[in-house]
Amino acid sequence: MKDRQAIHFDFNNMMAEAIGSIHGITEQELRDIESLAARYVKDLKEERAAGKLRFLDLPYDKKVLSKILKTTNSLKGKFKNFLVVGIGGSALGNIAIHTALNHPFYNILSDAGRNGCPRVFVLDNIDPDRFSGLMEIFKPEETLFNFITKSGTTVETMSQFLIITRLLYDRLGNGYKEHIVATTDSGKGTLREITRREGFESFVIPAGVGGRYSVLTPVGLFSAAMSGIDITAMLDGAALMDKLCQSDNIWGNPAIMGAALYFLSHTKKGKNILVMMPYSNALSGVADWFCQLWAESLGKKISLNKEVVHTGLTPVRAIGVVDQHSQLQLYMEGPYDKVITFWTIKRFNKDVSIMDETLSGKKNTPHNELSYLKGHSLNNVMKAEFEGTRLALTEQKRPNCTITLDELSALTLGQLFYLFELQTAYAGKFYNVNAFDQPGVEAGKINAFAMLGKKGFEQRKNEIDILLQKVQEKYCIW
């Protein structure tokens, strides 16, 4: 394996040797769960072989890859805009990929600057002002809309579907069908029914793959391919990480080691907040994606033993160096309740040198206090800021670890996605919870359906009406 392909995981500063045993994990504490970790690796392999963990096999689905590439090629040059309409896992993966791999200002590049690919937008909320604003900035007839919902009934996605399809039909008549691609379940759900009837182009979200684990399905890969991203390399990266995580030895498997470290930090050391802090704007979307993955998978009331546990490690996104000037004060001097995971990139795409000369052309004459920057680059400054912050936190006994990418590419991004998904599945084992459901989210959906008058939810609507009548205004300020 070439070095440029590797992701490096450094957890020295999680250990008691670096920060003491009050906040750091001892080697013995890791040794004590070695056999448990080995059992979990075996369990996941058996569940995978039984077809229960479909997301782990996504990197090898050449049939789906071929369909995405074929469809993308047939649509090339036909649209100026590509709009993803989805929410949660149907949106965050798309945002993560485009933020990571496309030009930072991709949508305002010229057509030539985008290599003829369409601008990409992700409509991930139903805020009426944002929705209207987005509809105002481009012509629907120049746009391809990708509606993504696993269930085919997601209220946020389908409410926008009704508005957009009506708008398209009014402008284009039956030609509106050429502007819609549906990504949904293979056989059930309202969106699939409409797709069959209308003849929309469509992709399938595989059975058994939940939204937050679907970034390596057409959910995330189609929009990536439409913008020219090498999705083959992304899947190759995921497959590479799969191979790197086969060992049942915790010391040789980064996915289960990461899960074990976070679990022990929480249950043994009282660290119930997990801060993901990439020193890269390009990775900010991946951090947001991770927050959903981790929170929905592990924040659970009921364990697999049907016990009430109310467990979970709260994920927080921070961005280096921005949040050194925002959140870092809390991390340095606040409660000892956090683990910080830094993400760094060895080689950025650009190296930006700091000029030796001032605007006057005289070397450093007016600003001698800035002479220490001579000969450096923004890359050097970023690295110094990261290393300085990591050292400062370690000196304050704040547990932290670092994930380093040699470069940010489709290959390494695929590795990162796969690592975090597998790590989350292992964390579910340690916490003894179902990492693949989200019952707390469903309760809110049911209430929304009832309040909107959906058929079949009449009883809940009556219950809500009674509850709302009891609401007091005693503790409100007007």
Protein backbone atom coordinates (compact mmCIF):
# COMPACT_ATOMS: atom_id res chain seq x y z
CA MET A 1 0.00 0.00 0.00
CA LYS A 2 1.38 3.34 -0.99
CA ASP A 3 1.87 5.82 1.85
CA ARG A 4 -0.34 8.37 0.10
CA GLN A 5 -3.26 5.98 0.50
CA ALA A 6 -3.00 5.67 4.25
CA ILE A 7 -4.98 7.27 7.05
CA HIS A 8 -2.94 7.57 10.24
CA PHE A 9 -4.65 7.29 13.66
CA ASP A 10 -2.62 8.64 16.60
CA PHE A 11 -4.22 8.10 20.03
CA ASN A 12 -1.17 8.67 22.23
CA ASN A 13 -2.84 11.65 23.91
CA MET A 14 -5.83 9.54 24.90
CA MET A 15 -3.61 7.40 27.07
CA ALA A 16 -2.69 7.71 30.73
CA GLU A 17 1.00 7.89 29.82
CA ALA A 18 0.36 11.31 28.27
CA ILE A 19 -2.39 12.81 30.45
CA GLY A 20 -2.56 10.67 33.60
CA SER A 21 -4.97 7.93 34.62
CA ILE A 22 -7.73 10.24 35.89
CA HIS A 23 -8.52 11.39 32.36
CA GLY A 24 -6.45 9.02 30.24
CA ILE A 25 -7.01 5.37 29.42
CA THR A 26 -4.48 2.91 30.78
CA GLU A 27 -3.03 0.23 28.58
CA GLN A 28 -4.44 -2.33 31.00
CA GLU A 29 -7.96 -0.95 30.48
CA LEU A 30 -7.54 -1.63 26.78
CA ARG A 31 -6.05 -5.06 27.48
CA ASP A 32 -9.09 -5.86 29.61
CA ILE A 33 -11.44 -5.50 26.64
CA GLU A 34 -9.24 -7.17 24.00
CA SER A 35 -11.25 -10.40 24.08
CA LEU A 36 -14.53 -8.47 23.99
CA ALA A 37 -13.33 -6.49 20.99
CA ALA A 38 -12.27 -9.68 19.22
CA ARG A 39 -15.72 -11.11 19.83
CA TYR A 40 -17.36 -8.01 18.37
CA VAL A 41 -15.21 -8.27 15.25
CA LYS A 42 -16.32 -11.89 14.89
CA ASP A 43 -19.97 -10.93 15.50
CA LEU A 44 -19.92 -8.24 12.82
CA LYS A 45 -18.31 -10.58 10.31
CA GLU A 46 -21.04 -13.15 10.96
CA GLU A 47 -23.79 -10.53 10.68
CA ARG A 48 -22.25 -9.27 7.47
CA ALA A 49 -22.10 -12.78 6.00
CA ALA A 50 -25.78 -13.19 6.88
CA GLY A 51 -26.63 -10.04 4.91
CA LYS A 52 -27.52 -7.96 7.97
CA LEU A 53 -24.91 -5.23 7.42
CA ARG A 54 -25.37 -4.30 3.78
CA PHE A 55 -23.54 -0.99 4.14
CA LEU A 56 -20.25 -2.85 4.61
CA ASP A 57 -20.47 -4.39 1.14
CA LEU A 58 -21.31 -1.20 -0.75
CA PRO A 59 -17.73 -0.62 -2.01
CA TYR A 60 -17.97 -3.82 -4.05
CA ASP A 61 -21.29 -3.21 -5.84
CA LYS A 62 -20.03 -2.77 -9.40
CA LYS A 63 -23.54 -3.01 -10.85
CA VAL A 64 -24.69 0.11 -9.05
CA LEU A 65 -21.46 1.92 -9.90
CA SER A 66 -21.96 1.09 -13.57
CA LYS A 67 -25.54 2.38 -13.57
CA ILE A 68 -24.52 5.65 -11.92
CA LEU A 69 -21.73 6.24 -14.43
CA LYS A 70 -23.94 5.32 -17.37
CA THR A 71 -26.75 7.62 -16.21
CA THR A 72 -24.34 10.45 -15.50
CA ASN A 73 -22.82 10.13 -18.96
CA SER A 74 -26.27 10.26 -20.59
CA LEU A 75 -27.12 13.47 -18.71
CA LYS A 76 -23.79 15.20 -19.34
CA GLY A 77 -24.16 18.73 -20.67
CA LYS A 78 -27.96 18.79 -20.45
CA PHE A 79 -28.36 20.79 -17.24
CA LYS A 80 -26.78 23.88 -15.72
CA ASN A 81 -27.91 23.03 -12.20
CA PHE A 82 -28.25 19.87 -10.13
CA LEU A 83 -30.44 20.11 -7.04
CA VAL A 84 -30.51 17.41 -4.36
CA VAL A 85 -33.72 17.47 -2.33
CA GLY A 86 -33.38 15.42 0.84
CA ILE A 87 -32.86 15.68 4.57
CA GLY A 88 -30.66 13.99 7.18
CA GLY A 89 -28.69 11.14 5.66
CA SER A 90 -30.14 11.96 2.25
CA ALA A 91 -28.45 15.36 2.31
CA LEU A 92 -25.48 15.38 4.68
CA GLY A 93 -23.46 12.85 2.70
CA ASN A 94 -23.91 14.87 -0.48
CA ILE A 95 -22.82 18.05 1.28
CA ALA A 96 -19.82 16.25 2.78
CA ILE A 97 -18.60 14.93 -0.57
CA HIS A 98 -18.96 18.19 -2.46
CA THR A 99 -17.43 20.28 0.32
CA ALA A 100 -14.48 17.90 0.54
CA LEU A 101 -13.65 17.29 -3.10
CA ASN A 102 -14.96 20.15 -5.21
CA HIS A 103 -13.50 23.64 -5.52
CA PRO A 104 -14.38 25.69 -2.40
CA PHE A 105 -16.41 28.03 -4.61
CA TYR A 106 -17.47 25.45 -7.16
CA ASN A 107 -20.92 26.93 -7.85
CA ILE A 108 -19.58 30.33 -8.86
CA LEU A 109 -16.94 28.99 -11.22
CA SER A 110 -17.57 29.37 -14.94
CA ASP A 111 -18.90 26.43 -16.92
CA ALA A 112 -15.35 25.84 -18.14
CA GLY A 113 -14.05 26.03 -14.57
CA ARG A 114 -16.49 23.26 -13.64
CA ASN A 115 -15.48 21.22 -16.71
CA GLY A 116 -19.00 21.53 -18.06
CA CYS A 117 -20.54 19.96 -14.98
CA PRO A 118 -23.66 21.50 -13.41
CA ARG A 119 -23.72 23.62 -10.30
CA VAL A 120 -24.71 21.52 -7.28
CA PHE A 121 -27.16 22.60 -4.58
CA VAL A 122 -28.50 20.61 -1.64
CA LEU A 123 -31.90 21.58 -0.29
CA ASP A 124 -31.73 20.03 3.17
CA ASN A 125 -34.44 21.97 5.01
CA ILE A 126 -37.98 23.21 4.43
CA ASP A 127 -37.34 26.79 5.50
CA PRO A 128 -39.75 28.63 3.14
CA ASP A 129 -37.46 31.64 2.68
CA ARG A 130 -34.47 29.47 1.78
CA PHE A 131 -36.56 27.32 -0.52
CA SER A 132 -38.00 30.35 -2.32
CA GLY A 133 -34.60 31.99 -2.55
CA LEU A 134 -33.09 28.93 -4.18
CA MET A 135 -35.93 28.67 -6.68
CA GLU A 136 -35.32 32.31 -7.63
CA ILE A 137 -31.65 31.99 -8.57
CA PHE A 138 -31.99 29.55 -11.45
CA LYS A 139 -34.46 28.41 -14.06
CA PRO A 140 -36.15 25.09 -13.24
CA GLU A 141 -36.02 24.10 -16.90
CA GLU A 142 -32.21 24.21 -16.69
CA THR A 143 -32.15 22.06 -13.57
CA LEU A 144 -32.10 18.36 -12.76
CA PHE A 145 -33.81 17.54 -9.46
CA ASN A 146 -32.73 14.49 -7.45
CA PHE A 147 -35.34 13.65 -4.80
CA ILE A 148 -33.93 11.33 -2.14
CA THR A 149 -35.97 9.53 0.50
CA LYS A 150 -35.56 5.92 1.62
CA SER A 151 -39.14 5.58 2.83
CA GLY A 152 -40.58 7.53 -0.06
CA THR A 153 -42.81 9.35 2.38
CA THR A 154 -40.45 11.77 4.15
CA VAL A 155 -42.67 14.81 4.73
CA GLU A 156 -39.92 17.40 4.17
CA THR A 157 -38.77 15.88 0.89
CA MET A 158 -42.21 15.04 -0.47
CA SER A 159 -43.72 18.43 0.35
CA GLN A 160 -40.99 20.04 -1.76
CA PHE A 161 -41.49 17.36 -4.40
CA LEU A 162 -45.11 18.46 -4.82
CA ILE A 163 -44.15 22.12 -5.20
CA ILE A 164 -41.26 21.53 -7.61
CA THR A 165 -43.02 19.01 -9.84
CA ARG A 166 -46.00 21.35 -10.19
CA LEU A 167 -43.66 24.19 -11.11
CA LEU A 168 -41.90 22.00 -13.67
CA TYR A 169 -45.14 20.73 -15.17
CA ASP A 170 -46.50 24.25 -15.55
CA ARG A 171 -43.32 25.25 -17.41
CA LEU A 172 -42.59 22.11 -19.41
CA GLY A 173 -45.71 19.97 -19.59
CA ASN A 174 -44.94 16.26 -19.83
CA GLY A 175 -41.31 17.15 -20.49
CA TYR A 176 -40.97 17.77 -16.76
CA LYS A 177 -40.23 14.07 -16.29
CA GLU A 178 -36.81 14.50 -17.87
CA HIS A 179 -35.84 16.82 -15.01
CA ILE A 180 -36.44 14.37 -12.17
CA VAL A 181 -34.39 11.52 -10.76
CA ALA A 182 -35.77 9.64 -7.76
CA THR A 183 -33.55 7.82 -5.27
CA THR A 184 -35.67 5.66 -3.00
CA ASP A 185 -36.64 2.14 -1.95
CA SER A 186 -36.81 -0.50 -4.68
CA GLY A 187 -40.43 -1.46 -4.20
CA LYS A 188 -42.36 0.49 -1.61
CA GLY A 189 -43.20 4.06 -0.68
CA THR A 190 -45.04 6.91 -2.33
CA LEU A 191 -42.05 8.18 -4.30
CA ARG A 192 -41.48 4.73 -5.82
CA GLU A 193 -45.17 4.48 -6.78
CA ILE A 194 -45.09 7.88 -8.47
CA THR A 195 -41.80 7.03 -10.19
CA ARG A 196 -43.30 3.90 -11.72
CA ARG A 197 -46.38 5.76 -12.88
CA GLU A 198 -44.56 8.76 -14.33
CA GLY A 199 -41.52 6.95 -15.67
CA PHE A 200 -38.86 8.97 -13.82
CA GLU A 201 -35.23 7.91 -13.96
CA SER A 202 -34.44 6.35 -10.59
CA PHE A 203 -31.89 4.74 -8.33
CA VAL A 204 -32.43 2.26 -5.51
CA ILE A 205 -31.36 2.72 -1.91
CA PRO A 206 -30.45 -0.85 -0.93
CA ALA A 207 -32.64 -2.65 1.58
CA GLY A 208 -31.09 -2.69 5.02
CA VAL A 209 -29.03 0.46 4.47
CA GLY A 210 -30.26 3.34 6.62
CA GLY A 211 -29.95 6.95 5.54
CA ARG A 212 -26.95 7.77 7.71
CA TYR A 213 -25.07 4.77 6.30
CA SER A 214 -26.02 5.48 2.67
CA VAL A 215 -23.35 7.93 1.50
CA LEU A 216 -21.67 5.21 -0.61
CA THR A 217 -24.93 4.35 -2.39
CA PRO A 218 -26.55 6.42 -5.18
CA VAL A 219 -27.68 8.73 -2.37
CA GLY A 220 -24.22 10.29 -2.29
CA LEU A 221 -22.53 8.94 -5.39
CA PHE A 222 -24.91 10.21 -8.07
CA SER A 223 -24.51 13.92 -7.32
CA ALA A 224 -20.77 13.36 -6.88
CA ALA A 225 -20.50 11.78 -10.33
CA MET A 226 -22.59 14.58 -11.85
CA SER A 227 -19.99 17.09 -10.66
CA GLY A 228 -17.07 15.09 -12.02
CA ILE A 229 -15.86 13.47 -8.79
CA ASP A 230 -14.14 10.10 -9.20
CA ILE A 231 -16.63 7.85 -7.42
CA THR A 232 -14.73 4.73 -8.47
CA ALA A 233 -11.75 5.95 -6.44
CA MET A 234 -14.04 6.75 -3.52
CA LEU A 235 -15.35 3.19 -3.46
CA ASP A 236 -11.80 1.87 -3.86
CA GLY A 237 -10.84 3.86 -0.77
CA ALA A 238 -13.72 2.38 1.19
CA ALA A 239 -12.70 -1.12 0.09
CA LEU A 240 -9.14 -0.40 1.18
CA MET A 241 -10.33 0.63 4.65
CA ASP A 242 -12.44 -2.52 4.82
CA LYS A 243 -9.28 -4.57 4.34
CA LEU A 244 -7.43 -2.52 6.98
CA CYS A 245 -10.15 -3.28 9.55
CA GLN A 246 -10.30 -7.08 9.29
CA SER A 247 -8.07 -7.91 12.26
CA ASP A 248 -9.70 -9.13 15.47
CA ASN A 249 -6.72 -7.69 17.34
CA ILE A 250 -7.80 -4.32 18.70
CA TRP A 251 -4.25 -2.99 18.25
CA GLY A 252 -4.37 -3.64 14.52
CA ASN A 253 -7.91 -2.51 13.72
CA PRO A 254 -8.46 1.29 13.67
CA ALA A 255 -12.25 1.03 13.58
CA ILE A 256 -12.70 -1.00 16.73
CA MET A 257 -9.82 0.77 18.49
CA GLY A 258 -11.53 4.12 17.91
CA ALA A 259 -14.84 2.77 19.17
CA ALA A 260 -13.17 1.29 22.25
CA LEU A 261 -11.31 4.49 23.09
CA TYR A 262 -14.44 6.63 22.91
CA PHE A 263 -16.43 4.07 24.89
CA LEU A 264 -13.83 3.81 27.66
CA SER A 265 -13.37 7.58 27.79
CA HIS A 266 -17.11 7.92 28.31
CA THR A 267 -17.82 5.05 30.70
CA LYS A 268 -14.54 5.03 32.64
CA LYS A 269 -13.42 8.67 32.51
CA GLY A 270 -16.71 10.59 32.29
CA LYS A 271 -16.11 12.13 28.84
CA ASN A 272 -19.59 12.36 27.33
CA ILE A 273 -18.86 14.87 24.54
CA LEU A 274 -16.96 13.96 21.39
CA VAL A 275 -15.54 16.95 19.52
CA MET A 276 -14.60 16.37 15.90
CA MET A 277 -12.22 19.16 14.87
CA PRO A 278 -10.90 19.05 11.30
CA TYR A 279 -8.15 21.54 10.49
CA SER A 280 -9.62 21.92 7.03
CA ASN A 281 -12.67 23.75 5.78
CA ALA A 282 -13.05 21.04 3.16
CA LEU A 283 -13.73 18.47 5.88
CA SER A 284 -16.36 20.53 7.69
CA GLY A 285 -19.18 18.75 5.88
CA VAL A 286 -17.77 15.36 6.82
CA ALA A 287 -17.81 16.45 10.46
CA ASP A 288 -21.49 17.40 10.13
CA TRP A 289 -22.20 14.04 8.48
CA PHE A 290 -20.38 12.26 11.32
CA CYS A 291 -22.48 14.05 13.94
CA GLN A 292 -25.68 12.57 12.52
CA LEU A 293 -24.09 9.13 12.14
CA TRP A 294 -22.88 9.05 15.73
CA ALA A 295 -25.85 10.74 17.43
CA GLU A 296 -28.64 8.80 15.71
CA SER A 297 -26.82 5.49 16.00
CA LEU A 298 -25.77 5.62 19.64
CA GLY A 299 -28.10 8.02 21.44
CA LYS A 300 -30.52 5.43 22.78
CA LYS A 301 -32.97 5.02 25.64
CA ILE A 302 -33.28 1.23 25.50
CA SER A 303 -30.44 -1.29 25.32
CA LEU A 304 -30.51 -4.55 23.39
CA ASN A 305 -31.36 -6.18 26.73
CA LYS A 306 -34.50 -4.00 26.92
CA GLU A 307 -33.05 -2.00 29.82
CA VAL A 308 -33.45 1.78 30.13
CA VAL A 309 -29.95 3.21 29.66
CA HIS A 310 -30.27 6.72 28.15
CA THR A 311 -26.78 6.41 26.71
CA GLY A 312 -24.75 8.19 24.07
CA LEU A 313 -21.68 10.32 23.51
CA THR A 314 -22.70 13.75 22.20
CA PRO A 315 -20.90 14.73 18.96
CA VAL A 316 -19.85 18.34 18.39
CA ARG A 317 -18.31 19.84 15.28
CA ALA A 318 -15.49 22.36 15.56
CA ILE A 319 -13.30 23.73 12.76
CA GLY A 320 -9.61 24.50 13.07
CA VAL A 321 -8.42 27.15 13.28
CA VAL A 322 -11.74 29.02 13.38
CA ASP A 323 -12.93 27.53 16.66
CA GLN A 324 -9.67 28.21 18.44
CA HIS A 325 -11.22 31.67 18.60
CA SER A 326 -14.62 30.34 19.63
CA GLN A 327 -14.88 27.00 21.44
CA LEU A 328 -11.29 26.33 22.50
CA GLN A 329 -11.54 28.38 25.70
CA LEU A 330 -14.22 25.96 26.91
CA TYR A 331 -12.17 22.94 25.89
CA MET A 332 -9.09 24.24 27.70
CA GLU A 333 -10.61 25.43 30.97
CA GLY A 334 -14.18 24.11 31.09
CA PRO A 335 -15.44 20.77 32.44
CA TYR A 336 -13.35 17.66 31.87
CA ASP A 337 -16.15 16.08 29.86
CA LYS A 338 -14.77 16.07 26.31
CA VAL A 339 -12.64 14.04 23.94
CA ILE A 340 -11.24 16.02 21.01
CA THR A 341 -10.48 14.26 17.73
CA PHE A 342 -8.37 16.33 15.36
CA TRP A 343 -8.43 15.69 11.62
CA THR A 344 -5.46 16.97 9.65
CA ILE A 345 -4.18 16.86 6.08
CA LYS A 346 -0.46 16.55 5.39
CA ARG A 347 -0.58 18.05 1.93
CA PHE A 348 -3.19 20.61 0.95
CA ASN A 349 -3.98 21.09 -2.73
CA LYS A 350 -2.37 24.53 -2.67
CA ASP A 351 0.69 25.97 -0.96
CA VAL A 352 0.19 29.68 -0.24
CA SER A 353 3.43 31.50 0.56
CA ILE A 354 3.59 34.59 2.72
CA MET A 355 5.37 37.29 0.73
CA ASP A 356 8.64 38.66 2.06
CA GLU A 357 7.87 42.16 0.86
CA THR A 358 5.26 44.67 1.98
CA LEU A 359 3.10 46.68 -0.36
CA SER A 360 5.82 49.34 -0.47
CA GLY A 361 8.26 46.80 -1.85
CA LYS A 362 10.61 47.22 1.11
CA LYS A 363 11.29 44.03 2.94
CA ASN A 364 9.48 44.07 6.30
CA THR A 365 10.39 47.72 6.96
CA PRO A 366 7.00 48.92 8.26
CA HIS A 367 6.06 45.70 10.01
CA ASN A 368 9.08 44.24 11.76
CA GLU A 369 6.77 42.64 14.31
CA LEU A 370 5.58 40.35 11.54
CA SER A 371 9.06 39.31 10.43
CA TYR A 372 8.67 35.89 12.08
CA LEU A 373 6.27 34.99 9.25
CA LYS A 374 9.01 35.49 6.64
CA GLY A 375 9.59 32.34 4.63
CA HIS A 376 6.43 30.66 5.88
CA SER A 377 3.15 29.80 4.19
CA LEU A 378 -0.47 29.60 5.28
CA ASN A 379 0.12 25.85 5.31
CA ASN A 380 2.89 26.31 7.91
CA VAL A 381 0.68 28.58 9.99
CA MET A 382 -2.18 26.06 9.90
CA LYS A 383 0.16 23.27 11.00
CA ALA A 384 1.64 25.35 13.83
CA GLU A 385 -1.84 26.33 15.03
CA PHE A 386 -2.93 22.68 15.09
CA GLU A 387 0.18 21.37 16.81
CA GLY A 388 0.17 24.23 19.30
CA THR A 389 -3.47 23.61 20.19
CA ARG A 390 -2.98 19.87 20.51
CA LEU A 391 0.00 20.38 22.80
CA ALA A 392 -1.84 22.93 24.94
CA LEU A 393 -4.81 20.59 25.42
CA THR A 394 -2.53 17.68 26.27
CA GLU A 395 -0.69 19.76 28.87
CA GLN A 396 -4.07 20.47 30.47
CA LYS A 397 -4.80 16.72 30.63
CA ARG A 398 -7.49 16.96 27.95
CA PRO A 399 -7.78 13.66 26.03
CA ASN A 400 -7.32 13.99 22.30
CA CYS A 401 -6.43 11.92 19.26
CA THR A 402 -5.55 12.73 15.67
CA ILE A 403 -6.60 11.33 12.31
CA THR A 404 -4.18 12.37 9.56
CA LEU A 405 -4.84 12.11 5.83
CA ASP A 406 -1.80 12.26 3.60
CA GLU A 407 -3.98 14.18 1.15
CA LEU A 408 -7.68 14.83 0.70
CA SER A 409 -8.82 12.88 -2.34
CA ALA A 410 -11.70 10.68 -3.42
CA LEU A 411 -9.64 7.71 -2.28
CA THR A 412 -8.96 8.99 1.23
CA LEU A 413 -12.49 10.35 1.64
CA GLY A 414 -13.87 6.90 0.85
CA GLN A 415 -11.60 5.50 3.55
CA LEU A 416 -12.81 8.07 6.05
CA PHE A 417 -16.50 7.38 5.40
CA TYR A 418 -16.01 3.64 5.78
CA LEU A 419 -13.86 3.97 8.90
CA PHE A 420 -16.45 6.09 10.69
CA GLU A 421 -19.39 3.88 9.68
CA LEU A 422 -17.65 0.71 10.84
CA GLN A 423 -16.42 2.43 14.00
CA THR A 424 -20.01 3.43 14.79
CA ALA A 425 -21.24 -0.13 14.32
CA TYR A 426 -18.58 -1.34 16.77
CA ALA A 427 -19.52 1.40 19.23
CA GLY A 428 -23.08 0.07 19.12
CA LYS A 429 -21.67 -3.28 20.27
CA PHE A 430 -19.79 -1.71 23.17
CA TYR A 431 -22.83 0.30 24.27
CA ASN A 432 -25.11 -2.71 23.67
CA VAL A 433 -27.60 -0.67 21.63
CA ASN A 434 -29.09 -0.95 18.15
CA ALA A 435 -26.89 1.31 16.03
CA PHE A 436 -29.25 1.10 13.06
CA ASP A 437 -32.60 2.45 14.29
CA GLN A 438 -33.78 5.88 15.49
CA PRO A 439 -36.99 5.49 17.53
CA GLY A 440 -36.64 8.94 19.08
CA VAL A 441 -36.85 10.55 15.65
CA GLU A 442 -39.91 8.51 14.72
CA ALA A 443 -41.92 9.93 17.64
CA GLY A 444 -41.53 13.46 16.31
CA LYS A 445 -42.50 12.34 12.81
CA ILE A 446 -45.69 10.73 14.10
CA ASN A 447 -46.66 13.94 15.88
CA ALA A 448 -46.01 15.98 12.73
CA PHE A 449 -48.12 13.62 10.60
CA ALA A 450 -50.96 13.86 13.11
CA MET A 451 -50.83 17.66 13.28
CA LEU A 452 -50.85 17.87 9.47
CA GLY A 453 -53.94 15.66 9.27
CA LYS A 454 -52.43 12.54 7.70
CA LYS A 455 -54.85 9.64 7.43
CA GLY A 456 -54.33 6.98 10.09
CA PHE A 457 -53.07 9.40 12.73
CA GLU A 458 -56.46 10.71 13.93
CA GLN A 459 -56.15 9.27 17.44
CA ARG A 460 -52.76 10.87 17.97
CA LYS A 461 -54.18 14.16 16.66
CA ASN A 462 -56.88 14.03 19.34
CA GLU A 463 -54.28 13.31 22.01
CA ILE A 464 -52.15 16.24 20.84
CA ASP A 465 -55.14 18.59 20.87
CA ILE A 466 -55.86 17.66 24.48
CA LEU A 467 -52.21 18.11 25.46
CA LEU A 468 -52.02 21.52 23.79
CA GLN A 469 -55.14 22.67 25.61
CA LYS A 470 -53.32 22.03 28.88
CA VAL A 471 -50.32 24.14 27.91
CA GLN A 472 -50.05 27.11 30.24
CA GLU A 473 -48.61 30.50 29.49
CA LYS A 474 -47.47 31.00 33.06
CA TYR A 475 -43.77 30.85 32.28
CA CYS A 476 -43.62 32.91 29.10
CA ILE A 477 -42.15 36.37 28.59
CA TRP A 478 -43.91 38.50 25.99
